[in-house]
Amino acid sequence: MSYFTRELKPYFERGFAPIIDLITKFNIHPNVLTLLGLLLVGTGSYLLFLENYFLSFIFLLIGALCDALDGAIARKGQKDSSFGAFIDSLTDRFSDAMPLTAIALSSQDKLLTLLSIMAIVSSFGVSYARARAEGLGYELKVGLFERAERWMVLLIGIFFEEIYLALVVLVLGSSITLFQRIYTFMKISRR
């Protein structure tokens, strides 16, 4: 877990505690929230494809919040499960790809399209490196630029309509994190 995520997560969950309590009170299953988040991100991505940046930002932000809260709701309502964790990780990959794919498909600029594709590949590399290491029995929670940071950069870029800059930061940050994970795994797997 990145320093940023590790330090802010308790404050984030405390700030959203009333919403977490309300959703738990109404007995809404966290998997419903996960799928709602995916639907909202899909809608936001379509709006991004149409270059409606403001509405896209709103839908993507709410979708990202659903995704950020589903784990806390699962823990609070004692509904955390292996299946829920699996669905959450799976939908995370779709949510990560959809807005970047929308940018790539809506652009007539080949460099912007290339940056979008590179952002997808490098961010998937970051996620896969951790998942594969865990599949081999190792913990690999290192990296400066994890999913939360990638989403924040993307949302800020969309809000200010600075897509190029956001994509450059996404590609560089994800690539650095990927190499951090490769290097760290090389060290820990040799022990």
N, C-alpha and C. Protein backbone atom coordinates (compact mmCIF):
# COMPACT_ATOMS: atom_id res chain seq x y z
N MET A 1 0.85 -1.17 0.00
CA MET A 1 0.00 0.00 0.00
C MET A 1 0.90 1.24 0.00
N SER A 2 0.56 2.21 -0.84
CA SER A 2 1.39 3.40 -0.93
C SER A 2 1.27 4.22 0.35
N TYR A 3 2.24 5.06 0.57
CA TYR A 3 2.25 5.92 1.75
C TYR A 3 0.99 6.77 1.79
N PHE A 4 0.66 7.34 0.65
CA PHE A 4 -0.51 8.22 0.55
C PHE A 4 -1.78 7.47 0.94
N THR A 5 -1.98 6.31 0.35
CA THR A 5 -3.18 5.52 0.62
C THR A 5 -3.21 5.08 2.08
N ARG A 6 -2.09 4.60 2.57
CA ARG A 6 -2.02 4.11 3.95
C ARG A 6 -2.33 5.22 4.95
N GLU A 7 -1.84 6.41 4.69
CA GLU A 7 -2.03 7.52 5.62
C GLU A 7 -3.44 8.11 5.57
N LEU A 8 -4.03 8.15 4.38
CA LEU A 8 -5.34 8.80 4.24
C LEU A 8 -6.53 7.87 4.42
N LYS A 9 -6.33 6.57 4.28
CA LYS A 9 -7.47 5.64 4.35
C LYS A 9 -8.26 5.76 5.65
N PRO A 10 -7.61 5.81 6.83
CA PRO A 10 -8.41 5.95 8.06
C PRO A 10 -9.24 7.24 8.09
N TYR A 11 -8.68 8.34 7.60
CA TYR A 11 -9.41 9.61 7.57
C TYR A 11 -10.57 9.53 6.58
N PHE A 12 -10.32 8.89 5.45
CA PHE A 12 -11.36 8.73 4.43
C PHE A 12 -12.53 7.95 5.00
N GLU A 13 -12.23 6.81 5.63
CA GLU A 13 -13.31 5.97 6.17
C GLU A 13 -14.03 6.67 7.34
N ARG A 14 -13.29 7.44 8.14
CA ARG A 14 -13.93 8.19 9.21
C ARG A 14 -14.84 9.28 8.65
N GLY A 15 -14.37 9.95 7.60
CA GLY A 15 -15.17 11.00 6.98
C GLY A 15 -16.45 10.49 6.35
N PHE A 16 -16.39 9.27 5.84
CA PHE A 16 -17.56 8.68 5.21
C PHE A 16 -18.32 7.73 6.14
N ALA A 17 -17.98 7.74 7.42
CA ALA A 17 -18.63 6.84 8.38
C ALA A 17 -20.15 6.97 8.39
N PRO A 18 -20.73 8.18 8.33
CA PRO A 18 -22.20 8.26 8.31
C PRO A 18 -22.81 7.54 7.10
N ILE A 19 -22.18 7.65 5.95
CA ILE A 19 -22.68 6.97 4.75
C ILE A 19 -22.51 5.46 4.89
N ILE A 20 -21.35 5.05 5.41
CA ILE A 20 -21.10 3.62 5.63
C ILE A 20 -22.13 3.06 6.60
N ASP A 21 -22.40 3.79 7.68
CA ASP A 21 -23.40 3.35 8.67
C ASP A 21 -24.79 3.25 8.04
N LEU A 22 -25.15 4.24 7.23
CA LEU A 22 -26.47 4.26 6.61
C LEU A 22 -26.65 3.08 5.64
N ILE A 23 -25.65 2.84 4.82
CA ILE A 23 -25.73 1.73 3.86
C ILE A 23 -25.78 0.40 4.60
N THR A 24 -25.00 0.29 5.68
CA THR A 24 -25.02 -0.94 6.48
C THR A 24 -26.38 -1.11 7.17
N LYS A 25 -26.95 -0.02 7.64
CA LYS A 25 -28.26 -0.06 8.30
C LYS A 25 -29.35 -0.58 7.36
N PHE A 26 -29.28 -0.15 6.09
CA PHE A 26 -30.27 -0.60 5.10
C PHE A 26 -29.93 -1.97 4.53
N ASN A 27 -28.88 -2.59 5.07
CA ASN A 27 -28.50 -3.96 4.71
C ASN A 27 -28.22 -4.12 3.21
N ILE A 28 -27.63 -3.09 2.62
CA ILE A 28 -27.25 -3.17 1.21
C ILE A 28 -25.96 -3.96 1.12
N HIS A 29 -25.98 -5.00 0.32
CA HIS A 29 -24.82 -5.89 0.21
C HIS A 29 -23.67 -5.14 -0.48
N PRO A 30 -22.45 -5.31 0.01
CA PRO A 30 -21.32 -4.60 -0.60
C PRO A 30 -21.11 -4.95 -2.08
N ASN A 31 -21.48 -6.17 -2.49
CA ASN A 31 -21.34 -6.53 -3.90
C ASN A 31 -22.26 -5.68 -4.78
N VAL A 32 -23.41 -5.28 -4.24
CA VAL A 32 -24.31 -4.39 -4.98
C VAL A 32 -23.62 -3.05 -5.20
N LEU A 33 -22.94 -2.56 -4.17
CA LEU A 33 -22.22 -1.30 -4.28
C LEU A 33 -21.07 -1.43 -5.29
N THR A 34 -20.40 -2.56 -5.28
CA THR A 34 -19.31 -2.81 -6.23
C THR A 34 -19.84 -2.73 -7.66
N LEU A 35 -20.95 -3.40 -7.92
CA LEU A 35 -21.52 -3.42 -9.27
C LEU A 35 -22.11 -2.06 -9.65
N LEU A 36 -22.69 -1.35 -8.66
CA LEU A 36 -23.17 0.00 -8.93
C LEU A 36 -22.01 0.90 -9.33
N GLY A 37 -20.89 0.76 -8.62
CA GLY A 37 -19.70 1.54 -8.96
C GLY A 37 -19.25 1.27 -10.38
N LEU A 38 -19.26 0.01 -10.78
CA LEU A 38 -18.87 -0.35 -12.15
C LEU A 38 -19.82 0.28 -13.17
N LEU A 39 -21.11 0.24 -12.88
CA LEU A 39 -22.11 0.83 -13.77
C LEU A 39 -21.90 2.35 -13.89
N LEU A 40 -21.64 3.00 -12.78
CA LEU A 40 -21.40 4.45 -12.80
C LEU A 40 -20.12 4.80 -13.55
N VAL A 41 -19.08 4.00 -13.36
CA VAL A 41 -17.83 4.24 -14.09
C VAL A 41 -18.04 4.01 -15.59
N GLY A 42 -18.83 2.99 -15.93
CA GLY A 42 -19.15 2.76 -17.34
C GLY A 42 -19.88 3.94 -17.95
N THR A 43 -20.85 4.49 -17.21
CA THR A 43 -21.60 5.66 -17.68
C THR A 43 -20.67 6.86 -17.81
N GLY A 44 -19.83 7.06 -16.80
CA GLY A 44 -18.87 8.17 -16.85
C GLY A 44 -17.89 8.02 -18.00
N SER A 45 -17.51 6.80 -18.29
CA SER A 45 -16.58 6.55 -19.40
C SER A 45 -17.25 6.86 -20.74
N TYR A 46 -18.53 6.50 -20.87
CA TYR A 46 -19.25 6.84 -22.10
C TYR A 46 -19.33 8.36 -22.26
N LEU A 47 -19.61 9.06 -21.16
CA LEU A 47 -19.66 10.52 -21.22
C LEU A 47 -18.29 11.10 -21.55
N LEU A 48 -17.24 10.45 -21.07
CA LEU A 48 -15.88 10.87 -21.40
C LEU A 48 -15.62 10.66 -22.89
N PHE A 49 -16.10 9.54 -23.42
CA PHE A 49 -16.00 9.26 -24.86
C PHE A 49 -16.67 10.38 -25.66
N LEU A 50 -17.80 10.88 -25.15
CA LEU A 50 -18.51 11.98 -25.81
C LEU A 50 -17.87 13.34 -25.52
N GLU A 51 -16.82 13.35 -24.71
CA GLU A 51 -16.06 14.54 -24.31
C GLU A 51 -16.91 15.50 -23.48
N ASN A 52 -17.85 14.95 -22.71
CA ASN A 52 -18.61 15.73 -21.74
C ASN A 52 -17.87 15.59 -20.41
N TYR A 53 -16.86 16.42 -20.23
CA TYR A 53 -15.93 16.26 -19.12
C TYR A 53 -16.57 16.45 -17.75
N PHE A 54 -17.47 17.43 -17.64
CA PHE A 54 -18.06 17.70 -16.33
C PHE A 54 -18.92 16.52 -15.85
N LEU A 55 -19.86 16.08 -16.68
CA LEU A 55 -20.71 14.96 -16.27
C LEU A 55 -19.89 13.68 -16.11
N SER A 56 -18.92 13.50 -16.97
CA SER A 56 -18.04 12.34 -16.85
C SER A 56 -17.35 12.34 -15.50
N PHE A 57 -16.84 13.49 -15.11
CA PHE A 57 -16.17 13.63 -13.82
C PHE A 57 -17.11 13.23 -12.68
N ILE A 58 -18.35 13.70 -12.72
CA ILE A 58 -19.32 13.41 -11.65
C ILE A 58 -19.57 11.90 -11.55
N PHE A 59 -19.88 11.27 -12.68
CA PHE A 59 -20.17 9.83 -12.67
C PHE A 59 -18.95 9.01 -12.27
N LEU A 60 -17.78 9.37 -12.79
CA LEU A 60 -16.57 8.63 -12.43
C LEU A 60 -16.24 8.80 -10.95
N LEU A 61 -16.42 10.00 -10.42
CA LEU A 61 -16.15 10.24 -9.00
C LEU A 61 -17.08 9.42 -8.11
N ILE A 62 -18.37 9.43 -8.42
CA ILE A 62 -19.32 8.67 -7.60
C ILE A 62 -19.05 7.17 -7.73
N GLY A 63 -18.72 6.72 -8.95
CA GLY A 63 -18.38 5.31 -9.15
C GLY A 63 -17.14 4.91 -8.38
N ALA A 64 -16.14 5.78 -8.37
CA ALA A 64 -14.91 5.51 -7.61
C ALA A 64 -15.20 5.49 -6.11
N LEU A 65 -16.08 6.36 -5.64
CA LEU A 65 -16.45 6.36 -4.22
C LEU A 65 -17.17 5.07 -3.84
N CYS A 66 -18.07 4.59 -4.71
CA CYS A 66 -18.74 3.30 -4.44
C CYS A 66 -17.69 2.20 -4.29
N ASP A 67 -16.72 2.22 -5.17
CA ASP A 67 -15.68 1.20 -5.13
C ASP A 67 -14.82 1.34 -3.88
N ALA A 68 -14.59 2.58 -3.47
CA ALA A 68 -13.76 2.81 -2.28
C ALA A 68 -14.48 2.42 -1.00
N LEU A 69 -15.81 2.47 -1.00
CA LEU A 69 -16.57 2.22 0.22
C LEU A 69 -17.01 0.77 0.37
N ASP A 70 -17.01 0.00 -0.71
CA ASP A 70 -17.57 -1.35 -0.62
C ASP A 70 -16.83 -2.23 0.39
N GLY A 71 -15.53 -2.09 0.47
CA GLY A 71 -14.76 -2.89 1.43
C GLY A 71 -15.07 -2.52 2.87
N ALA A 72 -15.18 -1.21 3.13
CA ALA A 72 -15.51 -0.76 4.49
C ALA A 72 -16.90 -1.23 4.88
N ILE A 73 -17.83 -1.22 3.94
CA ILE A 73 -19.20 -1.67 4.22
C ILE A 73 -19.21 -3.18 4.45
N ALA A 74 -18.41 -3.91 3.69
CA ALA A 74 -18.32 -5.37 3.89
C ALA A 74 -17.80 -5.69 5.29
N ARG A 75 -16.77 -4.96 5.72
CA ARG A 75 -16.21 -5.20 7.05
C ARG A 75 -17.19 -4.79 8.14
N LYS A 76 -17.82 -3.63 7.98
CA LYS A 76 -18.75 -3.13 8.99
C LYS A 76 -19.96 -4.05 9.14
N GLY A 77 -20.49 -4.52 8.01
CA GLY A 77 -21.66 -5.38 8.05
C GLY A 77 -21.33 -6.85 8.18
N GLN A 78 -20.05 -7.15 8.38
CA GLN A 78 -19.56 -8.54 8.49
C GLN A 78 -20.00 -9.39 7.30
N LYS A 79 -19.85 -8.79 6.10
CA LYS A 79 -20.21 -9.48 4.88
C LYS A 79 -19.00 -9.65 3.96
N ASP A 80 -17.82 -9.53 4.54
CA ASP A 80 -16.63 -9.71 3.70
C ASP A 80 -16.48 -11.20 3.39
N SER A 81 -16.12 -11.48 2.15
CA SER A 81 -16.00 -12.87 1.71
C SER A 81 -14.96 -12.95 0.60
N SER A 82 -14.50 -14.15 0.34
CA SER A 82 -13.56 -14.37 -0.75
C SER A 82 -14.20 -14.01 -2.09
N PHE A 83 -15.47 -14.38 -2.25
CA PHE A 83 -16.15 -14.05 -3.50
C PHE A 83 -16.26 -12.55 -3.68
N GLY A 84 -16.60 -11.83 -2.61
CA GLY A 84 -16.69 -10.38 -2.67
C GLY A 84 -15.35 -9.75 -3.04
N ALA A 85 -14.27 -10.25 -2.45
CA ALA A 85 -12.94 -9.74 -2.77
C ALA A 85 -12.58 -10.02 -4.23
N PHE A 86 -12.97 -11.20 -4.71
CA PHE A 86 -12.72 -11.58 -6.10
C PHE A 86 -13.48 -10.65 -7.05
N ILE A 87 -14.78 -10.46 -6.79
CA ILE A 87 -15.59 -9.58 -7.64
C ILE A 87 -15.06 -8.15 -7.60
N ASP A 88 -14.66 -7.70 -6.42
CA ASP A 88 -14.12 -6.34 -6.29
C ASP A 88 -12.87 -6.18 -7.14
N SER A 89 -11.94 -7.13 -7.05
CA SER A 89 -10.71 -7.04 -7.85
C SER A 89 -10.99 -7.11 -9.34
N LEU A 90 -11.92 -7.97 -9.72
CA LEU A 90 -12.27 -8.12 -11.13
C LEU A 90 -12.89 -6.84 -11.69
N THR A 91 -13.86 -6.29 -10.96
CA THR A 91 -14.50 -5.06 -11.44
C THR A 91 -13.52 -3.88 -11.41
N ASP A 92 -12.55 -3.90 -10.52
CA ASP A 92 -11.52 -2.85 -10.49
C ASP A 92 -10.79 -2.78 -11.83
N ARG A 93 -10.49 -3.94 -12.42
CA ARG A 93 -9.77 -3.94 -13.69
C ARG A 93 -10.62 -3.33 -14.80
N PHE A 94 -11.91 -3.65 -14.81
CA PHE A 94 -12.81 -3.05 -15.81
C PHE A 94 -12.92 -1.55 -15.58
N SER A 95 -13.07 -1.16 -14.32
CA SER A 95 -13.18 0.27 -14.00
C SER A 95 -11.92 1.03 -14.37
N ASP A 96 -10.77 0.40 -14.20
CA ASP A 96 -9.52 1.05 -14.57
C ASP A 96 -9.41 1.24 -16.08
N ALA A 97 -9.89 0.26 -16.84
CA ALA A 97 -9.74 0.29 -18.30
C ALA A 97 -10.75 1.18 -19.00
N MET A 98 -11.97 1.23 -18.50
CA MET A 98 -13.04 1.90 -19.25
C MET A 98 -12.78 3.39 -19.55
N PRO A 99 -12.42 4.22 -18.58
CA PRO A 99 -12.21 5.63 -18.94
C PRO A 99 -11.01 5.83 -19.86
N LEU A 100 -9.98 5.04 -19.67
CA LEU A 100 -8.80 5.17 -20.53
C LEU A 100 -9.11 4.70 -21.95
N THR A 101 -9.92 3.67 -22.07
CA THR A 101 -10.36 3.20 -23.38
C THR A 101 -11.22 4.26 -24.05
N ALA A 102 -12.09 4.90 -23.29
CA ALA A 102 -12.94 5.96 -23.83
C ALA A 102 -12.10 7.10 -24.39
N ILE A 103 -11.03 7.46 -23.67
CA ILE A 103 -10.14 8.52 -24.16
C ILE A 103 -9.48 8.08 -25.46
N ALA A 104 -8.98 6.85 -25.47
CA ALA A 104 -8.29 6.34 -26.66
C ALA A 104 -9.22 6.31 -27.87
N LEU A 105 -10.45 5.86 -27.67
CA LEU A 105 -11.39 5.72 -28.80
C LEU A 105 -11.97 7.04 -29.28
N SER A 106 -12.04 8.03 -28.40
CA SER A 106 -12.64 9.31 -28.79
C SER A 106 -11.62 10.26 -29.42
N SER A 107 -10.36 9.95 -29.32
CA SER A 107 -9.33 10.88 -29.76
C SER A 107 -8.95 10.66 -31.23
N GLN A 108 -8.75 11.76 -31.91
CA GLN A 108 -8.19 11.72 -33.26
C GLN A 108 -6.66 11.88 -33.20
N ASP A 109 -6.16 12.16 -32.01
CA ASP A 109 -4.74 12.40 -31.78
C ASP A 109 -4.06 11.07 -31.46
N LYS A 110 -3.15 10.65 -32.32
CA LYS A 110 -2.50 9.35 -32.13
C LYS A 110 -1.65 9.30 -30.87
N LEU A 111 -1.04 10.40 -30.48
CA LEU A 111 -0.24 10.42 -29.26
C LEU A 111 -1.13 10.23 -28.03
N LEU A 112 -2.27 10.89 -28.02
CA LEU A 112 -3.21 10.74 -26.90
C LEU A 112 -3.71 9.29 -26.83
N THR A 113 -4.01 8.70 -27.99
CA THR A 113 -4.44 7.31 -28.03
C THR A 113 -3.34 6.40 -27.50
N LEU A 114 -2.11 6.63 -27.93
CA LEU A 114 -0.98 5.82 -27.46
C LEU A 114 -0.79 5.96 -25.95
N LEU A 115 -0.87 7.17 -25.44
CA LEU A 115 -0.72 7.39 -24.00
C LEU A 115 -1.82 6.68 -23.22
N SER A 116 -3.05 6.70 -23.75
CA SER A 116 -4.16 6.01 -23.08
C SER A 116 -3.90 4.52 -23.00
N ILE A 117 -3.45 3.95 -24.11
CA ILE A 117 -3.17 2.51 -24.13
C ILE A 117 -2.01 2.17 -23.21
N MET A 118 -0.97 3.01 -23.22
CA MET A 118 0.16 2.79 -22.32
C MET A 118 -0.27 2.89 -20.85
N ALA A 119 -1.20 3.80 -20.56
CA ALA A 119 -1.70 3.93 -19.19
C ALA A 119 -2.46 2.68 -18.77
N ILE A 120 -3.24 2.10 -19.69
CA ILE A 120 -3.96 0.86 -19.38
C ILE A 120 -2.96 -0.26 -19.10
N VAL A 121 -2.01 -0.43 -20.00
CA VAL A 121 -1.05 -1.54 -19.88
C VAL A 121 -0.21 -1.40 -18.61
N SER A 122 0.29 -0.20 -18.35
CA SER A 122 1.16 -0.03 -17.18
C SER A 122 0.37 -0.17 -15.88
N SER A 123 -0.86 0.33 -15.84
CA SER A 123 -1.64 0.18 -14.60
C SER A 123 -2.04 -1.28 -14.38
N PHE A 124 -2.35 -2.00 -15.45
CA PHE A 124 -2.64 -3.43 -15.32
C PHE A 124 -1.39 -4.18 -14.87
N GLY A 125 -0.23 -3.74 -15.34
CA GLY A 125 1.03 -4.37 -14.91
C GLY A 125 1.23 -4.23 -13.41
N VAL A 126 0.90 -3.06 -12.88
CA VAL A 126 1.03 -2.82 -11.44
C VAL A 126 0.13 -3.79 -10.67
N SER A 127 -1.13 -3.88 -11.10
CA SER A 127 -2.08 -4.77 -10.41
C SER A 127 -1.70 -6.23 -10.57
N TYR A 128 -1.30 -6.61 -11.78
CA TYR A 128 -0.97 -8.02 -12.02
C TYR A 128 0.28 -8.44 -11.24
N ALA A 129 1.26 -7.55 -11.15
CA ALA A 129 2.49 -7.89 -10.41
C ALA A 129 2.15 -8.27 -8.98
N ARG A 130 1.29 -7.50 -8.35
CA ARG A 130 0.91 -7.81 -6.96
C ARG A 130 0.11 -9.11 -6.90
N ALA A 131 -0.87 -9.26 -7.80
CA ALA A 131 -1.70 -10.46 -7.79
C ALA A 131 -0.88 -11.72 -8.04
N ARG A 132 0.05 -11.64 -8.97
CA ARG A 132 0.88 -12.82 -9.28
C ARG A 132 1.81 -13.15 -8.12
N ALA A 133 2.38 -12.13 -7.50
CA ALA A 133 3.24 -12.37 -6.34
C ALA A 133 2.44 -13.03 -5.22
N GLU A 134 1.21 -12.53 -4.97
CA GLU A 134 0.38 -13.14 -3.94
C GLU A 134 0.01 -14.57 -4.30
N GLY A 135 -0.20 -14.84 -5.59
CA GLY A 135 -0.48 -16.19 -6.04
C GLY A 135 0.69 -17.14 -5.80
N LEU A 136 1.88 -16.58 -5.78
CA LEU A 136 3.09 -17.38 -5.50
C LEU A 136 3.42 -17.41 -4.01
N GLY A 137 2.59 -16.77 -3.19
CA GLY A 137 2.77 -16.82 -1.74
C GLY A 137 3.58 -15.68 -1.15
N TYR A 138 3.76 -14.61 -1.89
CA TYR A 138 4.51 -13.45 -1.41
C TYR A 138 3.59 -12.25 -1.26
N GLU A 139 3.93 -11.36 -0.34
CA GLU A 139 3.20 -10.11 -0.20
C GLU A 139 3.96 -9.02 -0.92
N LEU A 140 3.28 -8.26 -1.76
CA LEU A 140 3.95 -7.24 -2.57
C LEU A 140 3.13 -5.95 -2.57
N LYS A 141 3.12 -5.29 -1.43
CA LYS A 141 2.32 -4.08 -1.27
C LYS A 141 3.20 -2.84 -1.30
N VAL A 142 4.10 -2.77 -2.27
CA VAL A 142 4.98 -1.61 -2.39
C VAL A 142 4.57 -0.81 -3.62
N GLY A 143 4.97 0.43 -3.64
CA GLY A 143 4.74 1.25 -4.82
C GLY A 143 4.26 2.64 -4.48
N LEU A 144 4.76 3.58 -5.24
CA LEU A 144 4.40 4.98 -5.02
C LEU A 144 3.06 5.34 -5.62
N PHE A 145 2.65 4.61 -6.66
CA PHE A 145 1.53 5.05 -7.48
C PHE A 145 0.57 3.89 -7.68
N GLU A 146 -0.27 3.67 -6.67
CA GLU A 146 -1.21 2.57 -6.73
C GLU A 146 -2.55 3.05 -7.29
N ARG A 147 -3.56 2.24 -7.14
CA ARG A 147 -4.85 2.51 -7.78
C ARG A 147 -5.46 3.83 -7.32
N ALA A 148 -5.44 4.12 -6.04
CA ALA A 148 -6.03 5.36 -5.54
C ALA A 148 -5.36 6.58 -6.17
N GLU A 149 -4.05 6.54 -6.25
CA GLU A 149 -3.32 7.66 -6.85
C GLU A 149 -3.64 7.78 -8.34
N ARG A 150 -3.74 6.65 -9.02
CA ARG A 150 -4.06 6.70 -10.45
C ARG A 150 -5.44 7.32 -10.68
N TRP A 151 -6.40 6.93 -9.85
CA TRP A 151 -7.74 7.48 -10.01
C TRP A 151 -7.78 8.97 -9.69
N MET A 152 -7.05 9.39 -8.68
CA MET A 152 -7.03 10.82 -8.34
C MET A 152 -6.45 11.64 -9.48
N VAL A 153 -5.36 11.15 -10.07
CA VAL A 153 -4.75 11.87 -11.19
C VAL A 153 -5.72 11.93 -12.37
N LEU A 154 -6.36 10.80 -12.68
CA LEU A 154 -7.30 10.77 -13.80
C LEU A 154 -8.46 11.74 -13.56
N LEU A 155 -9.04 11.70 -12.36
CA LEU A 155 -10.17 12.58 -12.07
C LEU A 155 -9.78 14.06 -12.11
N ILE A 156 -8.63 14.39 -11.58
CA ILE A 156 -8.16 15.79 -11.63
C ILE A 156 -7.94 16.21 -13.08
N GLY A 157 -7.33 15.31 -13.88
CA GLY A 157 -7.12 15.61 -15.30
C GLY A 157 -8.41 15.84 -16.04
N ILE A 158 -9.43 15.04 -15.75
CA ILE A 158 -10.73 15.21 -16.41
C ILE A 158 -11.39 16.51 -15.94
N PHE A 159 -11.35 16.76 -14.64
CA PHE A 159 -12.00 17.96 -14.10
C PHE A 159 -11.41 19.24 -14.73
N PHE A 160 -10.09 19.29 -14.86
CA PHE A 160 -9.44 20.48 -15.42
C PHE A 160 -9.23 20.37 -16.93
N GLU A 161 -9.73 19.29 -17.52
CA GLU A 161 -9.58 19.03 -18.96
C GLU A 161 -8.11 19.05 -19.37
N GLU A 162 -7.28 18.45 -18.53
CA GLU A 162 -5.84 18.31 -18.79
C GLU A 162 -5.54 16.82 -19.00
N ILE A 163 -6.14 16.27 -20.05
CA ILE A 163 -6.06 14.83 -20.28
C ILE A 163 -4.63 14.40 -20.61
N TYR A 164 -3.96 15.16 -21.47
CA TYR A 164 -2.57 14.81 -21.82
C TYR A 164 -1.70 14.70 -20.58
N LEU A 165 -1.73 15.73 -19.77
CA LEU A 165 -0.90 15.76 -18.57
C LEU A 165 -1.23 14.61 -17.64
N ALA A 166 -2.53 14.36 -17.46
CA ALA A 166 -2.94 13.25 -16.59
C ALA A 166 -2.41 11.93 -17.12
N LEU A 167 -2.49 11.72 -18.42
CA LEU A 167 -2.03 10.45 -19.00
C LEU A 167 -0.51 10.28 -18.87
N VAL A 168 0.21 11.36 -19.07
CA VAL A 168 1.67 11.28 -18.90
C VAL A 168 2.02 10.90 -17.47
N VAL A 169 1.35 11.54 -16.50
CA VAL A 169 1.59 11.22 -15.09
C VAL A 169 1.19 9.77 -14.80
N LEU A 170 0.07 9.32 -15.35
CA LEU A 170 -0.37 7.93 -15.15
C LEU A 170 0.65 6.93 -15.68
N VAL A 171 1.14 7.17 -16.88
CA VAL A 171 2.10 6.24 -17.48
C VAL A 171 3.41 6.24 -16.69
N LEU A 172 3.92 7.41 -16.36
CA LEU A 172 5.17 7.48 -15.61
C LEU A 172 5.02 6.88 -14.21
N GLY A 173 3.97 7.28 -13.50
CA GLY A 173 3.76 6.79 -12.14
C GLY A 173 3.54 5.29 -12.09
N SER A 174 2.73 4.78 -13.01
CA SER A 174 2.48 3.33 -13.05
C SER A 174 3.74 2.56 -13.42
N SER A 175 4.51 3.09 -14.37
CA SER A 175 5.74 2.41 -14.78
C SER A 175 6.75 2.35 -13.65
N ILE A 176 6.89 3.45 -12.93
CA ILE A 176 7.81 3.47 -11.79
C ILE A 176 7.36 2.45 -10.74
N THR A 177 6.07 2.42 -10.46
CA THR A 177 5.54 1.48 -9.47
C THR A 177 5.73 0.04 -9.92
N LEU A 178 5.52 -0.22 -11.21
CA LEU A 178 5.73 -1.56 -11.73
C LEU A 178 7.18 -2.00 -11.54
N PHE A 179 8.11 -1.12 -11.86
CA PHE A 179 9.53 -1.48 -11.68
C PHE A 179 9.88 -1.63 -10.20
N GLN A 180 9.25 -0.82 -9.33
CA GLN A 180 9.46 -1.01 -7.89
C GLN A 180 9.03 -2.42 -7.48
N ARG A 181 7.89 -2.86 -7.98
CA ARG A 181 7.37 -4.17 -7.62
C ARG A 181 8.23 -5.29 -8.19
N ILE A 182 8.68 -5.13 -9.41
CA ILE A 182 9.55 -6.15 -10.01
C ILE A 182 10.84 -6.27 -9.20
N TYR A 183 11.44 -5.13 -8.88
CA TYR A 183 12.69 -5.14 -8.12
C TYR A 183 12.49 -5.73 -6.73
N THR A 184 11.42 -5.33 -6.06
CA THR A 184 11.13 -5.84 -4.72
C THR A 184 10.87 -7.34 -4.76
N PHE A 185 10.11 -7.79 -5.75
CA PHE A 185 9.84 -9.23 -5.85
C PHE A 185 11.13 -10.00 -6.11
N MET A 186 12.00 -9.46 -6.94
CA MET A 186 13.28 -10.12 -7.21
C MET A 186 14.07 -10.29 -5.91
N LYS A 187 14.05 -9.28 -5.07
CA LYS A 187 14.77 -9.36 -3.79
C LYS A 187 14.14 -10.36 -2.84
N ILE A 188 12.82 -10.28 -2.65
CA ILE A 188 12.19 -11.14 -1.64
C ILE A 188 12.11 -12.60 -2.11
N SER A 189 12.05 -12.83 -3.41
CA SER A 189 11.94 -14.21 -3.89
C SER A 189 13.27 -14.93 -3.84
N ARG A 190 14.37 -14.20 -3.71
CA ARG A 190 15.71 -14.82 -3.63
C ARG A 190 16.08 -15.21 -2.21
N ARG A 191 15.29 -14.76 -1.22
CA ARG A 191 15.62 -15.07 0.18
C ARG A 191 15.41 -16.53 0.48
